[in-house]
PDB file of N, CA and C in Angstrom:
ATOM      1  N   MET A   1      15.716 -11.951  24.319  1.00  0.00           N
ATOM      2  CA  MET A   1      15.035 -11.966  23.037  1.00  0.00           C
ATOM      3  C   MET A   1      16.043 -12.245  21.925  1.00  0.00           C
ATOM      4  N   ALA A   2      15.619 -13.046  20.967  1.00  0.00           N
ATOM      5  CA  ALA A   2      16.508 -13.427  19.876  1.00  0.00           C
ATOM      6  C   ALA A   2      16.780 -12.243  18.950  1.00  0.00           C
ATOM      7  N   GLU A   3      18.010 -12.168  18.500  1.00  0.00           N
ATOM      8  CA  GLU A   3      18.390 -11.106  17.584  1.00  0.00           C
ATOM      9  C   GLU A   3      17.741 -11.363  16.225  1.00  0.00           C
ATOM     10  N   ALA A   4      17.242 -10.316  15.581  1.00  0.00           N
ATOM     11  CA  ALA A   4      16.630 -10.449  14.257  1.00  0.00           C
ATOM     12  C   ALA A   4      17.701 -10.276  13.188  1.00  0.00           C
ATOM     13  N   PHE A   5      17.719 -11.188  12.266  1.00  0.00           N
ATOM     14  CA  PHE A   5      18.651 -11.121  11.145  1.00  0.00           C
ATOM     15  C   PHE A   5      17.844 -10.957   9.871  1.00  0.00           C
ATOM     16  N   LYS A   6      18.300 -10.081   8.999  1.00  0.00           N
ATOM     17  CA  LYS A   6      17.577  -9.798   7.762  1.00  0.00           C
ATOM     18  C   LYS A   6      17.889 -10.798   6.661  1.00  0.00           C
ATOM     19  N   SER A   7      19.014 -11.503   6.795  1.00  0.00           N
ATOM     20  CA  SER A   7      19.423 -12.447   5.760  1.00  0.00           C
ATOM     21  C   SER A   7      20.349 -13.491   6.368  1.00  0.00           C
ATOM     22  N   PHE A   8      20.559 -14.557   5.609  1.00  0.00           N
ATOM     23  CA  PHE A   8      21.503 -15.579   6.056  1.00  0.00           C
ATOM     24  C   PHE A   8      22.921 -15.014   6.081  1.00  0.00           C
ATOM     25  N   ARG A   9      23.230 -14.153   5.140  1.00  0.00           N
ATOM     26  CA  ARG A   9      24.557 -13.518   5.084  1.00  0.00           C
ATOM     27  C   ARG A   9      24.834 -12.753   6.383  1.00  0.00           C
ATOM     28  N   GLU A  10      23.821 -12.137   6.925  1.00  0.00           N
ATOM     29  CA  GLU A  10      23.943 -11.410   8.179  1.00  0.00           C
ATOM     30  C   GLU A  10      24.039 -12.375   9.374  1.00  0.00           C
ATOM     31  N   PHE A  11      23.352 -13.499   9.272  1.00  0.00           N
ATOM     32  CA  PHE A  11      23.304 -14.479  10.355  1.00  0.00           C
ATOM     33  C   PHE A  11      24.593 -15.296  10.477  1.00  0.00           C
ATOM     34  N   TYR A  12      25.214 -15.637   9.349  1.00  0.00           N
ATOM     35  CA  TYR A  12      26.328 -16.593   9.358  1.00  0.00           C
ATOM     36  C   TYR A  12      27.507 -16.184  10.245  1.00  0.00           C
ATOM     37  N   PRO A  13      27.931 -14.920  10.283  1.00  0.00           N
ATOM     38  CA  PRO A  13      29.005 -14.566  11.226  1.00  0.00           C
ATOM     39  C   PRO A  13      28.616 -14.823  12.690  1.00  0.00           C
ATOM     40  N   PHE A  14      27.363 -14.558  13.031  1.00  0.00           N
ATOM     41  CA  PHE A  14      26.869 -14.878  14.378  1.00  0.00           C
ATOM     42  C   PHE A  14      26.959 -16.380  14.614  1.00  0.00           C
ATOM     43  N   TYR A  15      26.520 -17.151  13.622  1.00  0.00           N
ATOM     44  CA  TYR A  15      26.542 -18.612  13.715  1.00  0.00           C
ATOM     45  C   TYR A  15      27.966 -19.116  13.945  1.00  0.00           C
ATOM     46  N   LEU A  16      28.905 -18.593  13.189  1.00  0.00           N
ATOM     47  CA  LEU A  16      30.302 -19.021  13.361  1.00  0.00           C
ATOM     48  C   LEU A  16      30.832 -18.651  14.738  1.00  0.00           C
ATOM     49  N   GLY A  17      30.416 -17.513  15.252  1.00  0.00           N
ATOM     50  CA  GLY A  17      30.823 -17.114  16.601  1.00  0.00           C
ATOM     51  C   GLY A  17      30.331 -18.082  17.661  1.00  0.00           C
ATOM     52  N   GLU A  18      29.174 -18.676  17.425  1.00  0.00           N
ATOM     53  CA  GLU A  18      28.621 -19.658  18.359  1.00  0.00           C
ATOM     54  C   GLU A  18      29.341 -21.004  18.248  1.00  0.00           C
ATOM     55  N   HIS A  19      30.169 -21.155  17.240  1.00  0.00           N
ATOM     56  CA  HIS A  19      30.902 -22.402  16.992  1.00  0.00           C
ATOM     57  C   HIS A  19      32.405 -22.194  17.072  1.00  0.00           C
ATOM     58  N   GLY A  20      32.820 -21.286  17.931  1.00  0.00           N
ATOM     59  CA  GLY A  20      34.236 -21.009  18.098  1.00  0.00           C
ATOM     60  C   GLY A  20      34.994 -22.137  18.791  1.00  0.00           C
ATOM     61  N   ASN A  21      34.291 -22.951  19.553  1.00  0.00           N
ATOM     62  CA  ASN A  21      34.915 -24.079  20.232  1.00  0.00           C
ATOM     63  C   ASN A  21      35.189 -25.189  19.222  1.00  0.00           C
ATOM     64  N   ARG A  22      36.437 -25.614  19.155  1.00  0.00           N
ATOM     65  CA  ARG A  22      36.858 -26.600  18.154  1.00  0.00           C
ATOM     66  C   ARG A  22      36.151 -27.949  18.319  1.00  0.00           C
ATOM     67  N   ILE A  23      35.964 -28.398  19.542  1.00  0.00           N
ATOM     68  CA  ILE A  23      35.286 -29.679  19.765  1.00  0.00           C
ATOM     69  C   ILE A  23      33.833 -29.592  19.317  1.00  0.00           C
ATOM     70  N   CYS A  24      33.198 -28.470  19.596  1.00  0.00           N
ATOM     71  CA  CYS A  24      31.820 -28.255  19.146  1.00  0.00           C
ATOM     72  C   CYS A  24      31.739 -28.352  17.621  1.00  0.00           C
ATOM     73  N   ARG A  25      32.656 -27.680  16.927  1.00  0.00           N
ATOM     74  CA  ARG A  25      32.685 -27.743  15.456  1.00  0.00           C
ATOM     75  C   ARG A  25      32.893 -29.171  14.975  1.00  0.00           C
ATOM     76  N   ARG A  26      33.797 -29.876  15.621  1.00  0.00           N
ATOM     77  CA  ARG A  26      34.069 -31.264  15.208  1.00  0.00           C
ATOM     78  C   ARG A  26      32.851 -32.156  15.416  1.00  0.00           C
ATOM     79  N   LEU A  27      32.139 -31.956  16.515  1.00  0.00           N
ATOM     80  CA  LEU A  27      30.930 -32.740  16.750  1.00  0.00           C
ATOM     81  C   LEU A  27      29.857 -32.410  15.709  1.00  0.00           C
ATOM     82  N   HIS A  28      29.736 -31.149  15.333  1.00  0.00           N
ATOM     83  CA  HIS A  28      28.829 -30.769  14.254  1.00  0.00           C
ATOM     84  C   HIS A  28      29.208 -31.491  12.965  1.00  0.00           C
ATOM     85  N   PHE A  29      30.482 -31.458  12.645  1.00  0.00           N
ATOM     86  CA  PHE A  29      30.970 -32.067  11.410  1.00  0.00           C
ATOM     87  C   PHE A  29      30.710 -33.580  11.422  1.00  0.00           C
ATOM     88  N   PHE A  30      31.022 -34.219  12.527  1.00  0.00           N
ATOM     89  CA  PHE A  30      30.811 -35.667  12.650  1.00  0.00           C
ATOM     90  C   PHE A  30      29.329 -36.000  12.511  1.00  0.00           C
ATOM     91  N   GLY A  31      28.473 -35.240  13.180  1.00  0.00           N
ATOM     92  CA  GLY A  31      27.027 -35.463  13.078  1.00  0.00           C
ATOM     93  C   GLY A  31      26.541 -35.289  11.647  1.00  0.00           C
ATOM     94  N   SER A  32      27.039 -34.281  10.950  1.00  0.00           N
ATOM     95  CA  SER A  32      26.644 -34.056   9.556  1.00  0.00           C
ATOM     96  C   SER A  32      27.108 -35.202   8.662  1.00  0.00           C
ATOM     97  N   CYS A  33      28.298 -35.717   8.916  1.00  0.00           N
ATOM     98  CA  CYS A  33      28.784 -36.883   8.160  1.00  0.00           C
ATOM     99  C   CYS A  33      27.865 -38.081   8.373  1.00  0.00           C
ATOM    100  N   LEU A  34      27.448 -38.300   9.618  1.00  0.00           N
ATOM    101  CA  LEU A  34      26.532 -39.410   9.910  1.00  0.00           C
ATOM    102  C   LEU A  34      25.183 -39.218   9.232  1.00  0.00           C
ATOM    103  N   VAL A  35      24.715 -37.984   9.172  1.00  0.00           N
ATOM    104  CA  VAL A  35      23.455 -37.699   8.481  1.00  0.00           C
ATOM    105  C   VAL A  35      23.579 -38.072   7.011  1.00  0.00           C
ATOM    106  N   LEU A  36      24.649 -37.650   6.360  1.00  0.00           N
ATOM    107  CA  LEU A  36      24.840 -37.966   4.937  1.00  0.00           C
ATOM    108  C   LEU A  36      25.001 -39.460   4.701  1.00  0.00           C
ATOM    109  N   LEU A  37      25.765 -40.112   5.553  1.00  0.00           N
ATOM    110  CA  LEU A  37      25.943 -41.561   5.437  1.00  0.00           C
ATOM    111  C   LEU A  37      24.615 -42.292   5.633  1.00  0.00           C
ATOM    112  N   THR A  38      23.844 -41.867   6.603  1.00  0.00           N
ATOM    113  CA  THR A  38      22.539 -42.479   6.858  1.00  0.00           C
ATOM    114  C   THR A  38      21.611 -42.271   5.666  1.00  0.00           C
ATOM    115  N   LEU A  39      21.620 -41.073   5.095  1.00  0.00           N
ATOM    116  CA  LEU A  39      20.789 -40.805   3.923  1.00  0.00           C
ATOM    117  C   LEU A  39      21.144 -41.746   2.775  1.00  0.00           C
ATOM    118  N   ILE A  40      22.421 -41.906   2.516  1.00  0.00           N
ATOM    119  CA  ILE A  40      22.864 -42.813   1.448  1.00  0.00           C
ATOM    120  C   ILE A  40      22.421 -44.243   1.732  1.00  0.00           C
ATOM    121  N   LEU A  41      22.618 -44.698   2.968  1.00  0.00           N
ATOM    122  CA  LEU A  41      22.234 -46.070   3.317  1.00  0.00           C
ATOM    123  C   LEU A  41      20.722 -46.285   3.225  1.00  0.00           C
ATOM    124  N   VAL A  42      19.953 -45.301   3.640  1.00  0.00           N
ATOM    125  CA  VAL A  42      18.495 -45.407   3.549  1.00  0.00           C
ATOM    126  C   VAL A  42      18.068 -45.498   2.083  1.00  0.00           C
ATOM    127  N   LEU A  43      18.642 -44.670   1.239  1.00  0.00           N
ATOM    128  CA  LEU A  43      18.275 -44.684  -0.175  1.00  0.00           C
ATOM    129  C   LEU A  43      18.688 -45.979  -0.873  1.00  0.00           C
ATOM    130  N   ILE A  44      19.803 -46.541  -0.461  1.00  0.00           N
ATOM    131  CA  ILE A  44      20.266 -47.802  -1.055  1.00  0.00           C
ATOM    132  C   ILE A  44      19.453 -48.986  -0.540  1.00  0.00           C
ATOM    133  N   SER A  45      19.193 -49.006   0.751  1.00  0.00           N
ATOM    134  CA  SER A  45      18.540 -50.164   1.372  1.00  0.00           C
ATOM    135  C   SER A  45      17.018 -50.101   1.360  1.00  0.00           C
ATOM    136  N   HIS A  46      16.461 -48.940   1.117  1.00  0.00           N
ATOM    137  CA  HIS A  46      15.009 -48.723   1.159  1.00  0.00           C
ATOM    138  C   HIS A  46      14.420 -48.998   2.549  1.00  0.00           C
ATOM    139  N   ARG A  47      15.238 -48.861   3.563  1.00  0.00           N
ATOM    140  CA  ARG A  47      14.756 -48.986   4.945  1.00  0.00           C
ATOM    141  C   ARG A  47      14.428 -47.578   5.436  1.00  0.00           C
ATOM    142  N   TRP A  48      13.218 -47.154   5.103  1.00  0.00           N
ATOM    143  CA  TRP A  48      12.804 -45.771   5.296  1.00  0.00           C
ATOM    144  C   TRP A  48      12.788 -45.348   6.755  1.00  0.00           C
ATOM    145  N   TRP A  49      12.686 -46.296   7.664  1.00  0.00           N
ATOM    146  CA  TRP A  49      12.702 -45.955   9.086  1.00  0.00           C
ATOM    147  C   TRP A  49      14.033 -45.305   9.466  1.00  0.00           C
ATOM    148  N   GLY A  50      15.044 -45.491   8.650  1.00  0.00           N
ATOM    149  CA  GLY A  50      16.351 -44.903   8.921  1.00  0.00           C
ATOM    150  C   GLY A  50      16.335 -43.379   8.903  1.00  0.00           C
ATOM    151  N   PHE A  51      15.310 -42.792   8.249  1.00  0.00           N
ATOM    152  CA  PHE A  51      15.194 -41.333   8.262  1.00  0.00           C
ATOM    153  C   PHE A  51      15.045 -40.788   9.680  1.00  0.00           C
ATOM    154  N   ILE A  52      14.521 -41.597  10.575  1.00  0.00           N
ATOM    155  CA  ILE A  52      14.348 -41.183  11.972  1.00  0.00           C
ATOM    156  C   ILE A  52      15.699 -40.886  12.620  1.00  0.00           C
ATOM    157  N   LEU A  53      16.728 -41.600  12.202  1.00  0.00           N
ATOM    158  CA  LEU A  53      18.056 -41.429  12.792  1.00  0.00           C
ATOM    159  C   LEU A  53      18.733 -40.123  12.399  1.00  0.00           C
ATOM    160  N   MET A  54      18.360 -39.577  11.259  1.00  0.00           N
ATOM    161  CA  MET A  54      19.072 -38.407  10.740  1.00  0.00           C
ATOM    162  C   MET A  54      19.019 -37.195  11.678  1.00  0.00           C
ATOM    163  N   PRO A  55      17.849 -36.776  12.172  1.00  0.00           N
ATOM    164  CA  PRO A  55      17.866 -35.643  13.114  1.00  0.00           C
ATOM    165  C   PRO A  55      18.540 -35.990  14.440  1.00  0.00           C
ATOM    166  N   LEU A  56      18.456 -37.252  14.841  1.00  0.00           N
ATOM    167  CA  LEU A  56      19.132 -37.655  16.083  1.00  0.00           C
ATOM    168  C   LEU A  56      20.639 -37.496  15.945  1.00  0.00           C
ATOM    169  N   PHE A  57      21.177 -37.906  14.813  1.00  0.00           N
ATOM    170  CA  PHE A  57      22.612 -37.757  14.581  1.00  0.00           C
ATOM    171  C   PHE A  57      22.995 -36.281  14.422  1.00  0.00           C
ATOM    172  N   GLY A  58      22.266 -35.584  13.572  1.00  0.00           N
ATOM    173  CA  GLY A  58      22.608 -34.194  13.280  1.00  0.00           C
ATOM    174  C   GLY A  58      22.509 -33.299  14.499  1.00  0.00           C
ATOM    175  N   TYR A  59      21.357 -33.332  15.167  1.00  0.00           N
ATOM    176  CA  TYR A  59      21.164 -32.450  16.315  1.00  0.00           C
ATOM    177  C   TYR A  59      21.797 -33.013  17.583  1.00  0.00           C
ATOM    178  N   GLY A  60      21.813 -34.306  17.735  1.00  0.00           N
ATOM    179  CA  GLY A  60      22.381 -34.900  18.944  1.00  0.00           C
ATOM    180  C   GLY A  60      23.838 -34.525  19.150  1.00  0.00           C
ATOM    181  N   PHE A  61      24.660 -34.733  18.138  1.00  0.00           N
ATOM    182  CA  PHE A  61      26.086 -34.406  18.252  1.00  0.00           C
ATOM    183  C   PHE A  61      26.295 -32.902  18.393  1.00  0.00           C
ATOM    184  N   ALA A  62      25.514 -32.126  17.644  1.00  0.00           N
ATOM    185  CA  ALA A  62      25.649 -30.668  17.712  1.00  0.00           C
ATOM    186  C   ALA A  62      25.301 -30.155  19.108  1.00  0.00           C
ATOM    187  N   TRP A  63      24.210 -30.631  19.672  1.00  0.00           N
ATOM    188  CA  TRP A  63      23.777 -30.140  20.979  1.00  0.00           C
ATOM    189  C   TRP A  63      24.726 -30.565  22.082  1.00  0.00           C
ATOM    190  N   ILE A  64      25.311 -31.753  21.964  1.00  0.00           N
ATOM    191  CA  ILE A  64      26.344 -32.156  22.934  1.00  0.00           C
ATOM    192  C   ILE A  64      27.502 -31.163  22.862  1.00  0.00           C
ATOM    193  N   GLY A  65      27.885 -30.784  21.651  1.00  0.00           N
ATOM    194  CA  GLY A  65      28.960 -29.813  21.479  1.00  0.00           C
ATOM    195  C   GLY A  65      28.643 -28.475  22.123  1.00  0.00           C
ATOM    196  N   HIS A  66      27.425 -28.026  21.961  1.00  0.00           N
ATOM    197  CA  HIS A  66      27.037 -26.737  22.536  1.00  0.00           C
ATOM    198  C   HIS A  66      26.929 -26.791  24.055  1.00  0.00           C
ATOM    199  N   PHE A  67      26.247 -27.786  24.567  1.00  0.00           N
ATOM    200  CA  PHE A  67      25.973 -27.828  26.005  1.00  0.00           C
ATOM    201  C   PHE A  67      27.199 -28.179  26.843  1.00  0.00           C
ATOM    202  N   PHE A  68      28.073 -29.060  26.326  1.00  0.00           N
ATOM    203  CA  PHE A  68      29.193 -29.540  27.133  1.00  0.00           C
ATOM    204  C   PHE A  68      30.553 -28.926  26.787  1.00  0.00           C
ATOM    205  N   PHE A  69      30.671 -28.336  25.606  1.00  0.00           N
ATOM    206  CA  PHE A  69      31.978 -27.812  25.210  1.00  0.00           C
ATOM    207  C   PHE A  69      31.951 -26.304  24.922  1.00  0.00           C
ATOM    208  N   ALA A  70      31.005 -25.848  24.120  1.00  0.00           N
ATOM    209  CA  ALA A  70      30.927 -24.415  23.818  1.00  0.00           C
ATOM    210  C   ALA A  70      30.203 -23.652  24.926  1.00  0.00           C
ATOM    211  N   HIS A  71      29.411 -24.362  25.702  1.00  0.00           N
ATOM    212  CA  HIS A  71      28.654 -23.761  26.811  1.00  0.00           C
ATOM    213  C   HIS A  71      27.770 -22.608  26.344  1.00  0.00           C
ATOM    214  N   ASN A  72      27.054 -22.849  25.249  1.00  0.00           N
ATOM    215  CA  ASN A  72      26.097 -21.869  24.763  1.00  0.00           C
ATOM    216  C   ASN A  72      24.841 -22.592  24.272  1.00  0.00           C
ATOM    217  N   ARG A  73      23.848 -21.822  23.959  1.00  0.00           N
ATOM    218  CA  ARG A  73      22.562 -22.367  23.526  1.00  0.00           C
ATOM    219  C   ARG A  73      22.567 -22.488  22.008  1.00  0.00           C
ATOM    220  N   PRO A  74      22.203 -23.653  21.456  1.00  0.00           N
ATOM    221  CA  PRO A  74      22.204 -23.807  20.003  1.00  0.00           C
ATOM    222  C   PRO A  74      21.302 -22.777  19.317  1.00  0.00           C
ATOM    223  N   ALA A  75      21.758 -22.250  18.212  1.00  0.00           N
ATOM    224  CA  ALA A  75      20.984 -21.268  17.448  1.00  0.00           C
ATOM    225  C   ALA A  75      19.706 -21.880  16.889  1.00  0.00           C
ATOM    226  N   THR A  76      19.630 -23.191  16.848  1.00  0.00           N
ATOM    227  CA  THR A  76      18.438 -23.888  16.372  1.00  0.00           C
ATOM    228  C   THR A  76      17.204 -23.465  17.157  1.00  0.00           C
ATOM    229  N   PHE A  77      17.379 -23.154  18.417  1.00  0.00           N
ATOM    230  CA  PHE A  77      16.242 -22.814  19.260  1.00  0.00           C
ATOM    231  C   PHE A  77      15.625 -21.468  18.899  1.00  0.00           C
ATOM    232  N   THR A  78      16.414 -20.559  18.372  1.00  0.00           N
ATOM    233  CA  THR A  78      15.903 -19.227  18.058  1.00  0.00           C
ATOM    234  C   THR A  78      15.860 -18.926  16.560  1.00  0.00           C
ATOM    235  N   HIS A  79      16.692 -19.598  15.783  1.00  0.00           N
ATOM    236  CA  HIS A  79      16.762 -19.372  14.332  1.00  0.00           C
ATOM    237  C   HIS A  79      16.865 -20.725  13.618  1.00  0.00           C
ATOM    238  N   PRO A  80      15.813 -21.539  13.649  1.00  0.00           N
ATOM    239  CA  PRO A  80      15.928 -22.915  13.135  1.00  0.00           C
ATOM    240  C   PRO A  80      16.305 -23.026  11.661  1.00  0.00           C
ATOM    241  N   PHE A  81      15.717 -22.202  10.807  1.00  0.00           N
ATOM    242  CA  PHE A  81      16.012 -22.319   9.380  1.00  0.00           C
ATOM    243  C   PHE A  81      17.436 -21.866   9.064  1.00  0.00           C
ATOM    244  N   TYR A  82      17.811 -20.685   9.551  1.00  0.00           N
ATOM    245  CA  TYR A  82      19.167 -20.194   9.325  1.00  0.00           C
ATOM    246  C   TYR A  82      20.203 -21.112   9.965  1.00  0.00           C
ATOM    247  N   SER A  83      19.882 -21.661  11.113  1.00  0.00           N
ATOM    248  CA  SER A  83      20.807 -22.565  11.790  1.00  0.00           C
ATOM    249  C   SER A  83      21.038 -23.832  10.962  1.00  0.00           C
ATOM    250  N   PHE A  84      19.957 -24.379  10.408  1.00  0.00           N
ATOM    251  CA  PHE A  84      20.077 -25.567   9.559  1.00  0.00           C
ATOM    252  C   PHE A  84      20.961 -25.261   8.355  1.00  0.00           C
ATOM    253  N   MET A  85      20.725 -24.100   7.744  1.00  0.00           N
ATOM    254  CA  MET A  85      21.566 -23.692   6.614  1.00  0.00           C
ATOM    255  C   MET A  85      23.013 -23.519   7.060  1.00  0.00           C
ATOM    256  N   GLY A  86      23.200 -22.907   8.243  1.00  0.00           N
ATOM    257  CA  GLY A  86      24.544 -22.693   8.760  1.00  0.00           C
ATOM    258  C   GLY A  86      25.301 -23.984   8.979  1.00  0.00           C
ATOM    259  N   ASP A  87      24.588 -25.018   9.438  1.00  0.00           N
ATOM    260  CA  ASP A  87      25.231 -26.320   9.645  1.00  0.00           C
ATOM    261  C   ASP A  87      25.895 -26.802   8.363  1.00  0.00           C
ATOM    262  N   TRP A  88      25.169 -26.690   7.254  1.00  0.00           N
ATOM    263  CA  TRP A  88      25.682 -27.227   5.991  1.00  0.00           C
ATOM    264  C   TRP A  88      26.701 -26.304   5.340  1.00  0.00           C
ATOM    265  N   VAL A  89      26.555 -25.005   5.527  1.00  0.00           N
ATOM    266  CA  VAL A  89      27.573 -24.084   4.995  1.00  0.00           C
ATOM    267  C   VAL A  89      28.874 -24.258   5.780  1.00  0.00           C
ATOM    268  N   MET A  90      28.774 -24.411   7.101  1.00  0.00           N
ATOM    269  CA  MET A  90      29.972 -24.640   7.907  1.00  0.00           C
ATOM    270  C   MET A  90      30.612 -25.981   7.537  1.00  0.00           C
ATOM    271  N   PHE A  91      29.808 -27.006   7.302  1.00  0.00           N
ATOM    272  CA  PHE A  91      30.307 -28.317   6.875  1.00  0.00           C
ATOM    273  C   PHE A  91      31.116 -28.158   5.590  1.00  0.00           C
ATOM    274  N   ARG A  92      30.536 -27.440   4.623  1.00  0.00           N
ATOM    275  CA  ARG A  92      31.241 -27.194   3.356  1.00  0.00           C
ATOM    276  C   ARG A  92      32.528 -26.412   3.584  1.00  0.00           C
ATOM    277  N   ASP A  93      32.451 -25.377   4.428  1.00  0.00           N
ATOM    278  CA  ASP A  93      33.633 -24.551   4.676  1.00  0.00           C
ATOM    279  C   ASP A  93      34.743 -25.340   5.374  1.00  0.00           C
ATOM    280  N   ILE A  94      34.380 -26.276   6.224  1.00  0.00           N
ATOM    281  CA  ILE A  94      35.383 -27.142   6.849  1.00  0.00           C
ATOM    282  C   ILE A  94      36.021 -28.040   5.791  1.00  0.00           C
ATOM    283  N   LEU A  95      35.184 -28.624   4.926  1.00  0.00           N
ATOM    284  CA  LEU A  95      35.713 -29.487   3.867  1.00  0.00           C
ATOM    285  C   LEU A  95      36.662 -28.732   2.931  1.00  0.00           C
ATOM    286  N   LEU A  96      36.355 -27.472   2.675  1.00  0.00           N
ATOM    287  CA  LEU A  96      37.176 -26.665   1.762  1.00  0.00           C
ATOM    288  C   LEU A  96      38.375 -26.029   2.457  1.00  0.00           C
ATOM    289  N   GLY A  97      38.490 -26.233   3.771  1.00  0.00           N
ATOM    290  CA  GLY A  97      39.608 -25.679   4.518  1.00  0.00           C
ATOM    291  C   GLY A  97      39.456 -24.208   4.873  1.00  0.00           C
ATOM    292  N   ARG A  98      38.274 -23.649   4.716  1.00  0.00           N
ATOM    293  CA  ARG A  98      38.023 -22.249   5.060  1.00  0.00           C
ATOM    294  C   ARG A  98      37.880 -22.054   6.564  1.00  0.00           C
ATOM    295  N   ILE A  99      37.451 -23.124   7.234  1.00  0.00           N
ATOM    296  CA  ILE A  99      37.294 -23.111   8.693  1.00  0.00           C
ATOM    297  C   ILE A  99      38.146 -24.246   9.238  1.00  0.00           C
ATOM    298  N   ARG A 100      38.870 -23.953  10.287  1.00  0.00           N
ATOM    299  CA  ARG A 100      39.756 -24.944  10.904  1.00  0.00           C
ATOM    300  C   ARG A 100      38.945 -26.083  11.523  1.00  0.00           C
ATOM    301  N   PHE A 101      39.342 -27.303  11.208  1.00  0.00           N
ATOM    302  CA  PHE A 101      38.710 -28.484  11.788  1.00  0.00           C
ATOM    303  C   PHE A 101      39.363 -28.749  13.127  1.00  0.00           C
TER     304      PHE A 101
END
């Protein structure tokens, strides 16, 4: 059974623990970069079908990291909203040097 978290602040340390594997974190970061790049290209080109690629990039790279490197189950399956938030907070923390890339 999934652990209940009362807030994102409570969830985030759990989320980081699930991303202790460096390759997993890097794949998350790379996928998030592709999502942002795709968003920019879609908005510039008006090729709206490109929105379909965004979840494939974001979740595809992350899930490869979890299944093949971290050997754990993505938090998306049990905590989708907090997990989505965690992806972007971790992305920011990597950019700011708070989390090792």
